[in-house]
N, C-alpha and C. Protein backbone atom coordinates (compact mmCIF):
# COMPACT_ATOMS: atom_id res chain seq x y z
N UNK A 1 225.92 180.78 70.58
CA UNK A 1 227.08 180.45 69.75
C UNK A 1 227.01 178.99 69.36
N UNK A 2 227.17 178.69 68.05
CA UNK A 2 227.15 177.32 67.58
C UNK A 2 228.51 176.67 67.79
N UNK A 3 228.49 175.40 68.20
CA UNK A 3 229.72 174.67 68.49
C UNK A 3 229.79 173.43 67.60
N UNK A 4 230.96 173.19 67.01
CA UNK A 4 231.15 171.98 66.21
C UNK A 4 231.50 170.80 67.11
N UNK A 5 230.90 169.66 66.84
CA UNK A 5 231.20 168.46 67.61
C UNK A 5 232.48 167.83 67.07
N UNK A 6 233.42 167.46 67.95
CA UNK A 6 234.64 166.82 67.47
C UNK A 6 234.33 165.49 66.81
N UNK A 7 235.20 165.08 65.90
CA UNK A 7 235.01 163.79 65.21
C UNK A 7 234.93 162.65 66.22
N UNK A 8 233.92 161.81 66.07
CA UNK A 8 233.76 160.67 66.98
C UNK A 8 233.01 160.99 68.26
N UNK A 9 232.69 162.27 68.50
CA UNK A 9 231.98 162.65 69.71
C UNK A 9 230.50 162.31 69.58
N UNK A 10 229.94 161.67 70.59
CA UNK A 10 228.52 161.35 70.56
C UNK A 10 227.73 162.35 71.38
N UNK A 11 226.86 163.07 70.71
CA UNK A 11 226.09 164.12 71.40
C UNK A 11 225.16 163.48 72.44
N UNK A 12 224.98 164.14 73.58
CA UNK A 12 224.06 163.63 74.60
C UNK A 12 222.63 163.51 74.05
N UNK A 13 221.91 162.49 74.51
CA UNK A 13 220.53 162.32 74.06
C UNK A 13 219.69 163.57 74.37
N UNK A 14 219.94 164.18 75.51
CA UNK A 14 219.15 165.36 75.91
C UNK A 14 219.29 166.49 74.91
N UNK A 15 220.48 166.63 74.32
CA UNK A 15 220.71 167.70 73.34
C UNK A 15 219.94 167.43 72.07
N UNK A 16 219.96 166.17 71.62
CA UNK A 16 219.19 165.81 70.42
C UNK A 16 217.70 165.92 70.69
N UNK A 17 217.28 165.51 71.88
CA UNK A 17 215.86 165.59 72.23
C UNK A 17 215.36 167.03 72.14
N UNK A 18 216.16 167.97 72.65
CA UNK A 18 215.78 169.37 72.61
C UNK A 18 215.70 169.87 71.17
N UNK A 19 216.62 169.45 70.35
CA UNK A 19 216.65 169.86 68.94
C UNK A 19 215.39 169.37 68.22
N UNK A 20 215.06 168.08 68.37
CA UNK A 20 213.91 167.54 67.66
C UNK A 20 212.60 168.06 68.24
N UNK A 21 212.59 168.38 69.52
CA UNK A 21 211.40 168.99 70.11
C UNK A 21 211.14 170.35 69.48
N UNK A 22 212.18 171.13 69.29
CA UNK A 22 212.04 172.44 68.64
C UNK A 22 211.54 172.31 67.23
N UNK A 23 212.06 171.32 66.47
CA UNK A 23 211.59 171.11 65.11
C UNK A 23 210.12 170.76 65.09
N UNK A 24 209.70 169.88 65.99
CA UNK A 24 208.31 169.49 66.04
C UNK A 24 207.39 170.69 66.31
N UNK A 25 207.88 171.64 67.08
CA UNK A 25 207.10 172.82 67.42
C UNK A 25 207.11 173.88 66.32
N UNK A 26 207.81 173.59 65.19
CA UNK A 26 207.79 174.50 64.06
C UNK A 26 209.00 175.39 63.91
N UNK A 27 210.02 175.20 64.75
CA UNK A 27 211.24 175.99 64.66
C UNK A 27 212.07 175.48 63.51
N UNK A 28 212.73 176.36 62.76
CA UNK A 28 213.57 175.94 61.64
C UNK A 28 214.83 175.22 62.12
N UNK A 29 215.46 174.48 61.23
CA UNK A 29 216.70 173.80 61.58
C UNK A 29 217.77 174.80 61.98
N UNK A 30 217.83 175.89 61.24
CA UNK A 30 218.83 176.94 61.52
C UNK A 30 218.65 177.49 62.92
N UNK A 31 217.42 177.84 63.26
CA UNK A 31 217.14 178.42 64.58
C UNK A 31 217.31 177.39 65.69
N UNK A 32 216.83 176.16 65.45
CA UNK A 32 216.95 175.12 66.46
C UNK A 32 218.42 174.81 66.76
N UNK A 33 219.23 174.77 65.72
CA UNK A 33 220.66 174.53 65.89
C UNK A 33 221.30 175.64 66.72
N UNK A 34 220.91 176.88 66.43
CA UNK A 34 221.46 178.01 67.17
C UNK A 34 221.05 177.96 68.64
N UNK A 35 219.80 177.58 68.90
CA UNK A 35 219.31 177.56 70.28
C UNK A 35 220.03 176.54 71.15
N UNK A 36 220.39 175.39 70.55
CA UNK A 36 221.09 174.36 71.36
C UNK A 36 222.61 174.52 71.25
N UNK A 37 223.06 175.46 70.41
CA UNK A 37 224.49 175.73 70.32
C UNK A 37 225.28 174.70 69.57
N UNK A 38 224.69 174.10 68.53
CA UNK A 38 225.39 173.07 67.75
C UNK A 38 225.40 173.48 66.28
N UNK A 39 226.49 173.28 65.60
CA UNK A 39 226.59 173.62 64.18
C UNK A 39 225.57 172.83 63.38
N UNK A 40 225.07 173.47 62.33
CA UNK A 40 224.10 172.80 61.46
C UNK A 40 224.68 171.59 60.74
N UNK A 41 225.96 171.55 60.55
CA UNK A 41 226.58 170.38 59.91
C UNK A 41 226.37 169.15 60.79
N UNK A 42 226.32 169.35 62.10
CA UNK A 42 226.07 168.25 63.03
C UNK A 42 224.60 167.89 63.09
N UNK A 43 223.74 168.93 63.18
CA UNK A 43 222.31 168.63 63.27
C UNK A 43 221.77 168.04 61.97
N UNK A 44 222.39 168.41 60.86
CA UNK A 44 222.00 167.80 59.57
C UNK A 44 222.30 166.31 59.56
N UNK A 45 223.38 165.92 60.21
CA UNK A 45 223.69 164.48 60.30
C UNK A 45 222.64 163.79 61.15
N UNK A 46 222.18 164.46 62.21
CA UNK A 46 221.12 163.88 63.02
C UNK A 46 219.86 163.68 62.18
N UNK A 47 219.56 164.68 61.35
CA UNK A 47 218.37 164.58 60.52
C UNK A 47 218.46 163.42 59.54
N UNK A 48 219.68 163.18 59.04
CA UNK A 48 219.88 162.11 58.07
C UNK A 48 219.64 160.72 58.62
N UNK A 49 219.59 160.62 59.95
CA UNK A 49 219.39 159.32 60.59
C UNK A 49 217.98 159.11 61.12
N UNK A 50 217.07 160.02 60.78
CA UNK A 50 215.72 159.95 61.34
C UNK A 50 214.79 158.99 60.65
N UNK A 51 215.17 158.48 59.48
CA UNK A 51 214.30 157.53 58.81
C UNK A 51 213.30 158.16 57.85
N UNK A 52 213.67 159.29 57.25
CA UNK A 52 212.83 159.85 56.18
C UNK A 52 211.95 161.01 56.58
N UNK A 53 212.29 161.73 57.62
CA UNK A 53 211.50 162.90 58.00
C UNK A 53 211.59 163.95 56.90
N UNK A 54 210.47 164.42 56.39
CA UNK A 54 210.45 165.34 55.27
C UNK A 54 210.56 166.78 55.74
N UNK A 55 211.39 167.54 55.04
CA UNK A 55 211.65 168.94 55.41
C UNK A 55 211.11 169.87 54.30
N UNK A 56 210.79 171.09 54.65
CA UNK A 56 210.34 172.07 53.64
C UNK A 56 211.39 173.14 53.43
N UNK A 57 211.54 173.58 52.18
CA UNK A 57 212.50 174.61 51.80
C UNK A 57 213.91 174.33 52.31
N UNK A 58 214.31 173.07 52.19
CA UNK A 58 215.65 172.72 52.65
C UNK A 58 215.73 172.65 54.15
N UNK A 59 216.93 172.45 54.69
CA UNK A 59 217.08 172.27 56.14
C UNK A 59 216.74 173.53 56.93
N UNK A 60 216.84 174.70 56.30
CA UNK A 60 216.54 175.95 57.03
C UNK A 60 215.03 176.14 57.21
N UNK A 61 214.23 175.42 56.43
CA UNK A 61 212.80 175.66 56.45
C UNK A 61 212.05 174.93 57.54
N UNK A 62 212.64 173.93 58.14
CA UNK A 62 211.96 173.18 59.19
C UNK A 62 211.20 171.98 58.67
N UNK A 63 210.36 171.41 59.54
CA UNK A 63 209.66 170.18 59.24
C UNK A 63 208.46 170.43 58.33
N UNK A 64 208.31 169.59 57.31
CA UNK A 64 207.12 169.69 56.44
C UNK A 64 205.89 169.37 57.27
N UNK A 65 204.84 170.16 57.07
CA UNK A 65 203.56 170.00 57.77
C UNK A 65 203.66 170.34 59.26
N UNK A 66 204.71 171.06 59.64
CA UNK A 66 204.85 171.47 61.03
C UNK A 66 204.13 172.80 61.30
N UNK A 67 203.96 173.21 62.54
CA UNK A 67 204.29 172.42 63.73
C UNK A 67 203.38 171.21 63.89
N UNK A 68 203.91 170.20 64.58
CA UNK A 68 203.17 168.93 64.74
C UNK A 68 202.60 168.89 66.15
N UNK A 69 201.28 168.71 66.30
CA UNK A 69 200.67 168.66 67.64
C UNK A 69 201.13 167.45 68.45
N UNK A 70 201.14 167.63 69.76
CA UNK A 70 201.54 166.53 70.66
C UNK A 70 200.46 165.47 70.75
N UNK A 71 199.21 165.87 70.53
CA UNK A 71 198.07 164.95 70.58
C UNK A 71 197.24 165.13 69.34
N UNK A 72 196.84 164.04 68.72
CA UNK A 72 195.96 164.08 67.55
C UNK A 72 194.51 164.17 68.02
N UNK A 73 193.88 165.27 67.75
CA UNK A 73 192.53 165.52 68.24
C UNK A 73 191.57 164.42 67.82
N UNK A 74 190.74 163.97 68.77
CA UNK A 74 189.71 162.98 68.47
C UNK A 74 190.24 161.61 68.19
N UNK A 75 191.45 161.30 68.62
CA UNK A 75 192.04 159.99 68.34
C UNK A 75 192.56 159.37 69.62
N UNK A 76 192.49 158.05 69.65
CA UNK A 76 193.04 157.29 70.79
C UNK A 76 194.41 156.72 70.45
N UNK A 77 195.01 157.20 69.36
CA UNK A 77 196.28 156.68 68.95
C UNK A 77 197.40 157.22 69.85
N UNK A 78 198.57 156.64 69.72
CA UNK A 78 199.70 157.06 70.53
C UNK A 78 199.94 158.55 70.39
N UNK A 79 200.21 159.21 71.52
CA UNK A 79 200.50 160.65 71.50
C UNK A 79 201.94 160.86 71.93
N UNK A 80 202.34 162.12 72.05
CA UNK A 80 203.73 162.43 72.38
C UNK A 80 204.12 161.91 73.76
N UNK A 81 203.18 161.96 74.71
CA UNK A 81 203.50 161.48 76.07
C UNK A 81 203.78 159.97 76.02
N UNK A 82 202.92 159.23 75.32
CA UNK A 82 203.16 157.78 75.15
C UNK A 82 204.52 157.52 74.53
N UNK A 83 204.83 158.28 73.49
CA UNK A 83 206.10 158.09 72.79
C UNK A 83 207.29 158.48 73.66
N UNK A 84 207.11 159.47 74.52
CA UNK A 84 208.18 159.85 75.43
C UNK A 84 208.48 158.71 76.41
N UNK A 85 207.43 158.07 76.91
CA UNK A 85 207.61 156.92 77.81
C UNK A 85 208.34 155.79 77.07
N UNK A 86 207.90 155.51 75.84
CA UNK A 86 208.55 154.48 75.04
C UNK A 86 210.04 154.79 74.87
N UNK A 87 210.33 156.05 74.52
CA UNK A 87 211.71 156.48 74.29
C UNK A 87 212.57 156.25 75.53
N UNK A 88 212.10 156.72 76.67
CA UNK A 88 212.86 156.60 77.93
C UNK A 88 213.08 155.14 78.29
N UNK A 89 212.04 154.34 78.17
CA UNK A 89 212.15 152.93 78.55
C UNK A 89 213.04 152.14 77.58
N UNK A 90 212.95 152.46 76.29
CA UNK A 90 213.82 151.79 75.32
C UNK A 90 215.29 152.10 75.62
N UNK A 91 215.56 153.35 75.93
CA UNK A 91 216.93 153.73 76.26
C UNK A 91 217.40 153.03 77.52
N UNK A 92 216.45 152.71 78.41
CA UNK A 92 216.81 152.02 79.64
C UNK A 92 216.84 150.51 79.52
N UNK A 93 216.55 150.02 78.31
CA UNK A 93 216.61 148.56 78.09
C UNK A 93 215.38 147.79 78.47
N UNK A 94 214.24 148.46 78.66
CA UNK A 94 213.01 147.77 79.05
C UNK A 94 212.48 146.91 77.91
N UNK A 95 211.78 145.87 78.27
CA UNK A 95 211.14 145.00 77.27
C UNK A 95 209.86 145.62 76.75
N UNK A 96 209.50 145.25 75.53
CA UNK A 96 208.30 145.80 74.90
C UNK A 96 207.06 145.52 75.73
N UNK A 97 206.95 144.32 76.27
CA UNK A 97 205.75 143.97 77.08
C UNK A 97 205.63 144.87 78.29
N UNK A 98 206.73 145.20 78.93
CA UNK A 98 206.70 146.07 80.11
C UNK A 98 206.30 147.50 79.73
N UNK A 99 206.82 147.97 78.60
CA UNK A 99 206.45 149.31 78.14
C UNK A 99 204.95 149.37 77.81
N UNK A 100 204.48 148.33 77.14
CA UNK A 100 203.07 148.27 76.76
C UNK A 100 202.16 148.34 78.00
N UNK A 101 202.51 147.59 79.04
CA UNK A 101 201.72 147.61 80.28
C UNK A 101 201.72 149.02 80.90
N UNK A 102 202.84 149.68 80.85
CA UNK A 102 202.95 151.02 81.48
C UNK A 102 202.06 152.04 80.79
N UNK A 103 201.97 151.98 79.46
CA UNK A 103 201.16 152.98 78.75
C UNK A 103 199.75 152.46 78.39
N UNK A 104 199.45 151.24 78.83
CA UNK A 104 198.10 150.71 78.63
C UNK A 104 197.77 150.34 77.22
N UNK A 105 198.73 149.79 76.49
CA UNK A 105 198.53 149.38 75.10
C UNK A 105 198.92 147.92 74.92
N UNK A 106 198.40 147.35 73.83
CA UNK A 106 198.84 146.00 73.47
C UNK A 106 200.30 146.06 73.06
N UNK A 107 201.03 145.01 73.38
CA UNK A 107 202.48 145.03 73.08
C UNK A 107 202.75 145.09 71.57
N UNK A 108 201.81 144.63 70.76
CA UNK A 108 201.99 144.70 69.30
C UNK A 108 202.02 146.14 68.83
N UNK A 109 201.24 147.02 69.52
CA UNK A 109 201.24 148.44 69.17
C UNK A 109 202.61 149.06 69.42
N UNK A 110 203.18 148.73 70.58
CA UNK A 110 204.49 149.28 70.96
C UNK A 110 205.57 148.72 70.05
N UNK A 111 205.50 147.41 69.78
CA UNK A 111 206.50 146.78 68.90
C UNK A 111 206.48 147.42 67.53
N UNK A 112 205.27 147.63 66.99
CA UNK A 112 205.15 148.22 65.67
C UNK A 112 205.62 149.69 65.66
N UNK A 113 205.30 150.40 66.74
CA UNK A 113 205.71 151.79 66.85
C UNK A 113 207.24 151.93 66.80
N UNK A 114 207.93 151.11 67.57
CA UNK A 114 209.39 151.18 67.59
C UNK A 114 209.97 150.78 66.25
N UNK A 115 209.45 149.71 65.70
CA UNK A 115 209.96 149.20 64.42
C UNK A 115 209.76 150.20 63.30
N UNK A 116 208.61 150.88 63.32
CA UNK A 116 208.24 151.78 62.22
C UNK A 116 208.95 153.13 62.30
N UNK A 117 209.22 153.61 63.52
CA UNK A 117 209.69 154.98 63.67
C UNK A 117 211.13 155.10 64.20
N UNK A 118 211.83 154.00 64.33
CA UNK A 118 213.19 154.13 64.78
C UNK A 118 214.07 154.66 63.65
N UNK A 119 215.19 155.26 64.03
CA UNK A 119 216.10 155.86 63.06
C UNK A 119 216.98 154.83 62.37
N UNK A 120 217.77 155.34 61.44
CA UNK A 120 218.68 154.46 60.68
C UNK A 120 219.71 153.81 61.59
N UNK A 121 220.01 154.44 62.72
CA UNK A 121 220.98 153.87 63.67
C UNK A 121 220.31 153.00 64.73
N UNK A 122 219.00 152.77 64.57
CA UNK A 122 218.28 151.93 65.53
C UNK A 122 217.71 152.65 66.72
N UNK A 123 217.98 153.94 66.83
CA UNK A 123 217.50 154.70 67.99
C UNK A 123 216.02 155.10 67.80
N UNK A 124 215.35 155.35 68.92
CA UNK A 124 213.94 155.80 68.89
C UNK A 124 213.86 157.11 69.61
N UNK A 125 213.31 158.15 68.95
CA UNK A 125 213.17 159.46 69.53
C UNK A 125 211.71 159.89 69.43
N UNK A 126 211.14 160.31 70.54
CA UNK A 126 209.70 160.57 70.63
C UNK A 126 209.21 161.63 69.65
N UNK A 127 209.88 162.78 69.60
CA UNK A 127 209.43 163.85 68.73
C UNK A 127 209.55 163.47 67.26
N UNK A 128 210.62 162.75 66.93
CA UNK A 128 210.78 162.28 65.56
C UNK A 128 209.65 161.33 65.19
N UNK A 129 209.31 160.42 66.10
CA UNK A 129 208.22 159.47 65.85
C UNK A 129 206.90 160.20 65.68
N UNK A 130 206.68 161.25 66.46
CA UNK A 130 205.45 162.05 66.36
C UNK A 130 205.39 162.75 64.99
N UNK A 131 206.52 163.28 64.55
CA UNK A 131 206.57 163.96 63.24
C UNK A 131 206.34 162.98 62.11
N UNK A 132 207.03 161.84 62.14
CA UNK A 132 206.90 160.85 61.08
C UNK A 132 205.47 160.34 60.96
N UNK A 133 204.84 160.08 62.09
CA UNK A 133 203.46 159.59 62.08
C UNK A 133 202.52 160.64 61.53
N UNK A 134 202.73 161.90 61.93
CA UNK A 134 201.91 163.00 61.45
C UNK A 134 202.05 163.15 59.93
N UNK A 135 203.27 163.05 59.44
CA UNK A 135 203.51 163.22 58.00
C UNK A 135 202.91 162.06 57.20
N UNK A 136 202.96 160.85 57.74
CA UNK A 136 202.35 159.71 57.05
C UNK A 136 200.83 159.87 56.98
N UNK A 137 200.24 160.37 58.04
CA UNK A 137 198.80 160.53 58.09
C UNK A 137 198.31 161.52 57.06
N UNK A 138 199.13 162.50 56.74
CA UNK A 138 198.77 163.53 55.75
C UNK A 138 199.03 163.09 54.32
N UNK A 139 199.81 162.05 54.15
CA UNK A 139 200.19 161.63 52.81
C UNK A 139 199.10 160.77 52.20
N UNK A 140 198.62 161.08 51.01
CA UNK A 140 197.62 160.26 50.36
C UNK A 140 198.14 158.84 50.14
N UNK A 141 197.28 157.86 50.40
CA UNK A 141 197.67 156.46 50.26
C UNK A 141 197.06 155.88 48.98
N UNK A 142 197.91 155.33 48.14
CA UNK A 142 197.43 154.69 46.91
C UNK A 142 197.38 153.19 47.15
N UNK A 143 196.17 152.67 47.34
CA UNK A 143 196.00 151.25 47.58
C UNK A 143 195.82 150.48 46.31
N UNK A 144 196.53 149.36 46.18
CA UNK A 144 196.28 148.41 45.10
C UNK A 144 195.55 147.23 45.72
N UNK A 145 194.34 147.50 46.24
CA UNK A 145 193.65 146.52 47.05
C UNK A 145 192.27 146.25 46.51
N UNK A 146 191.82 145.04 46.70
CA UNK A 146 190.46 144.70 46.35
C UNK A 146 189.50 145.29 47.39
N UNK A 147 189.99 145.43 48.61
CA UNK A 147 189.09 145.89 49.65
C UNK A 147 189.77 146.87 50.61
N UNK A 148 189.94 148.13 50.22
CA UNK A 148 190.59 149.12 51.09
C UNK A 148 189.81 149.38 52.37
N UNK A 149 188.47 149.12 52.36
CA UNK A 149 187.68 149.32 53.57
C UNK A 149 188.20 148.40 54.70
N UNK A 150 188.54 147.19 54.34
CA UNK A 150 189.04 146.24 55.32
C UNK A 150 190.41 146.68 55.86
N UNK A 151 191.26 147.14 54.99
CA UNK A 151 192.59 147.59 55.41
C UNK A 151 192.49 148.76 56.37
N UNK A 152 191.65 149.74 56.03
CA UNK A 152 191.48 150.91 56.90
C UNK A 152 190.94 150.49 58.27
N UNK A 153 190.01 149.54 58.26
CA UNK A 153 189.45 149.07 59.51
C UNK A 153 190.52 148.46 60.40
N UNK A 154 191.37 147.63 59.79
CA UNK A 154 192.44 146.96 60.55
C UNK A 154 193.45 147.96 61.05
N UNK A 155 193.88 148.89 60.19
CA UNK A 155 194.88 149.87 60.58
C UNK A 155 194.37 150.72 61.75
N UNK A 156 193.13 151.21 61.65
CA UNK A 156 192.57 152.08 62.70
C UNK A 156 192.44 151.32 64.00
N UNK A 157 191.97 150.06 63.93
CA UNK A 157 191.78 149.26 65.13
C UNK A 157 193.09 149.00 65.86
N UNK A 158 194.13 148.65 65.09
CA UNK A 158 195.40 148.32 65.70
C UNK A 158 196.11 149.56 66.20
N UNK A 159 195.95 150.68 65.52
CA UNK A 159 196.53 151.93 66.02
C UNK A 159 195.83 152.41 67.27
N UNK A 160 194.58 152.00 67.45
CA UNK A 160 193.86 152.33 68.67
C UNK A 160 194.15 151.37 69.81
N UNK A 161 195.07 150.44 69.59
CA UNK A 161 195.52 149.57 70.66
C UNK A 161 194.90 148.18 70.70
N UNK A 162 194.12 147.81 69.70
CA UNK A 162 193.54 146.48 69.68
C UNK A 162 194.63 145.46 69.42
N UNK A 163 194.50 144.31 70.00
CA UNK A 163 195.45 143.21 69.73
C UNK A 163 195.09 142.54 68.42
N UNK A 164 196.05 141.87 67.76
CA UNK A 164 195.74 141.14 66.52
C UNK A 164 194.61 140.13 66.71
N UNK A 165 194.61 139.47 67.89
CA UNK A 165 193.57 138.46 68.13
C UNK A 165 192.19 139.11 68.18
N UNK A 166 192.08 140.25 68.86
CA UNK A 166 190.80 140.94 68.97
C UNK A 166 190.34 141.42 67.59
N UNK A 167 191.28 141.97 66.78
CA UNK A 167 190.92 142.40 65.44
C UNK A 167 190.36 141.24 64.63
N UNK A 168 191.00 140.10 64.72
CA UNK A 168 190.56 138.93 63.97
C UNK A 168 189.13 138.51 64.36
N UNK A 169 188.86 138.53 65.66
CA UNK A 169 187.53 138.13 66.12
C UNK A 169 186.44 139.13 65.67
N UNK A 170 186.77 140.40 65.79
CA UNK A 170 185.78 141.43 65.40
C UNK A 170 185.56 141.44 63.88
N UNK A 171 186.62 141.16 63.12
CA UNK A 171 186.46 141.12 61.66
C UNK A 171 185.41 140.08 61.25
N UNK A 172 185.47 138.94 61.91
CA UNK A 172 184.52 137.87 61.56
C UNK A 172 183.09 138.32 61.82
N UNK A 173 182.87 139.01 62.93
CA UNK A 173 181.53 139.47 63.31
C UNK A 173 181.06 140.64 62.46
N UNK A 174 181.99 141.57 62.16
CA UNK A 174 181.60 142.81 61.46
C UNK A 174 181.47 142.62 59.96
N UNK A 175 182.39 141.85 59.35
CA UNK A 175 182.43 141.76 57.90
C UNK A 175 182.08 140.37 57.36
N UNK A 176 181.60 139.51 58.24
CA UNK A 176 181.34 138.14 57.81
C UNK A 176 180.33 138.01 56.71
N UNK A 177 179.43 139.00 56.58
CA UNK A 177 178.37 138.96 55.59
C UNK A 177 178.86 139.33 54.19
N UNK A 178 180.05 139.97 54.11
CA UNK A 178 180.57 140.48 52.85
C UNK A 178 181.54 139.46 52.26
N UNK A 179 181.18 138.82 51.15
CA UNK A 179 181.99 137.75 50.61
C UNK A 179 183.36 138.24 50.14
N UNK A 180 183.42 139.46 49.57
CA UNK A 180 184.71 139.95 49.06
C UNK A 180 185.68 140.18 50.22
N UNK A 181 185.16 140.69 51.33
CA UNK A 181 186.00 140.90 52.51
C UNK A 181 186.36 139.57 53.14
N UNK A 182 185.43 138.69 53.21
CA UNK A 182 185.68 137.36 53.78
C UNK A 182 186.79 136.66 53.00
N UNK A 183 186.79 136.81 51.67
CA UNK A 183 187.83 136.18 50.85
C UNK A 183 189.19 136.78 51.18
N UNK A 184 189.26 138.09 51.27
CA UNK A 184 190.55 138.73 51.59
C UNK A 184 191.00 138.32 52.97
N UNK A 185 190.05 138.27 53.92
CA UNK A 185 190.42 137.92 55.28
C UNK A 185 190.90 136.48 55.33
N UNK A 186 190.24 135.63 54.58
CA UNK A 186 190.61 134.21 54.58
C UNK A 186 192.01 133.96 54.03
N UNK A 187 192.43 134.79 53.09
CA UNK A 187 193.74 134.61 52.49
C UNK A 187 194.87 135.21 53.32
N UNK A 188 194.49 136.12 54.21
CA UNK A 188 195.54 136.82 54.96
C UNK A 188 195.06 137.13 56.38
N UNK A 189 195.20 136.17 57.26
CA UNK A 189 194.74 136.32 58.63
C UNK A 189 195.61 137.32 59.37
N UNK A 190 194.99 138.22 60.11
CA UNK A 190 195.73 139.24 60.85
C UNK A 190 196.68 138.61 61.85
N UNK A 191 196.35 137.41 62.35
CA UNK A 191 197.23 136.77 63.33
C UNK A 191 198.57 136.37 62.75
N UNK A 192 198.65 136.25 61.44
CA UNK A 192 199.87 135.73 60.83
C UNK A 192 201.00 136.72 60.79
N UNK A 193 200.74 138.02 61.06
CA UNK A 193 201.86 138.94 61.01
C UNK A 193 202.04 139.69 62.33
N UNK A 194 201.50 139.16 63.40
CA UNK A 194 201.86 139.60 64.74
C UNK A 194 201.87 141.09 65.01
N UNK A 195 200.93 141.84 64.45
CA UNK A 195 200.83 143.22 64.84
C UNK A 195 201.26 144.23 63.80
N UNK A 196 201.79 143.80 62.64
CA UNK A 196 202.16 144.76 61.61
C UNK A 196 200.89 145.23 60.90
N UNK A 197 200.98 146.38 60.23
CA UNK A 197 199.87 146.84 59.38
C UNK A 197 199.66 145.82 58.26
N UNK A 198 198.43 145.65 57.86
CA UNK A 198 198.14 144.71 56.78
C UNK A 198 197.79 145.42 55.51
N UNK A 199 198.24 144.90 54.41
CA UNK A 199 197.80 145.32 53.10
C UNK A 199 197.45 144.09 52.29
N UNK A 200 196.27 144.04 51.75
CA UNK A 200 195.91 142.91 50.92
C UNK A 200 196.22 143.27 49.47
N UNK A 201 197.44 143.02 49.07
CA UNK A 201 197.86 143.40 47.73
C UNK A 201 197.21 142.41 46.75
N UNK A 202 196.30 142.93 45.92
CA UNK A 202 195.52 142.12 45.01
C UNK A 202 194.72 141.08 45.76
N UNK A 203 194.41 141.38 47.02
CA UNK A 203 193.60 140.47 47.84
C UNK A 203 194.31 139.17 48.17
N UNK A 204 195.66 139.16 48.14
CA UNK A 204 196.31 137.87 48.26
C UNK A 204 197.41 137.79 49.29
N UNK A 205 198.12 138.91 49.62
CA UNK A 205 199.23 138.73 50.54
C UNK A 205 199.36 139.91 51.47
N UNK A 206 200.05 139.72 52.57
CA UNK A 206 200.27 140.76 53.56
C UNK A 206 201.61 141.41 53.36
N UNK A 207 201.70 142.70 53.75
CA UNK A 207 202.98 143.38 53.75
C UNK A 207 202.99 144.36 54.89
N UNK A 208 204.12 144.70 55.41
CA UNK A 208 204.19 145.67 56.49
C UNK A 208 203.87 147.05 55.94
N UNK A 209 203.16 147.85 56.72
CA UNK A 209 202.84 149.20 56.33
C UNK A 209 203.90 150.13 56.77
């Protein structure tokens, strides 16, 4: 039986976590709402605060590109278990550096993960973050860059847990022979944006990804 939440009532995190876990596994919004016993008018409000999660065939159709796997095959990037640890620790007020040590990642990776995947209300939910990351990975990227090879290298390295300092050092060794890449690198040092994704727009400036 679906239940309407009274005005001003804050749903328990565990209830929302169950709802978003069901969506990630490919369950429709209608079915997921019924399983947790909450009206769709309430769960739709939750969806509106997720930060742009794309749905198919309206809210009854479920998550676009779902179901979303908990682990990305062949990748060392953050998985659902990592994100669950981040979620629990963020809710408990832990610092980014402490969370990073616990999951064995550079703190810039955790900082960027929270910043990129938190909801409109500032909350971070593991399944939502897994869905958003999966959907971004499937979306074609249109680069206005002089050197997209460099951008992809930086994005992959930092998502695999490299620190900005390590990326900078390896860039010099790996791409130092290529003048076009050296020029882009010289104009936009990875150290200058403390762990955000880099884009060399017209080879001249950085922006968050």
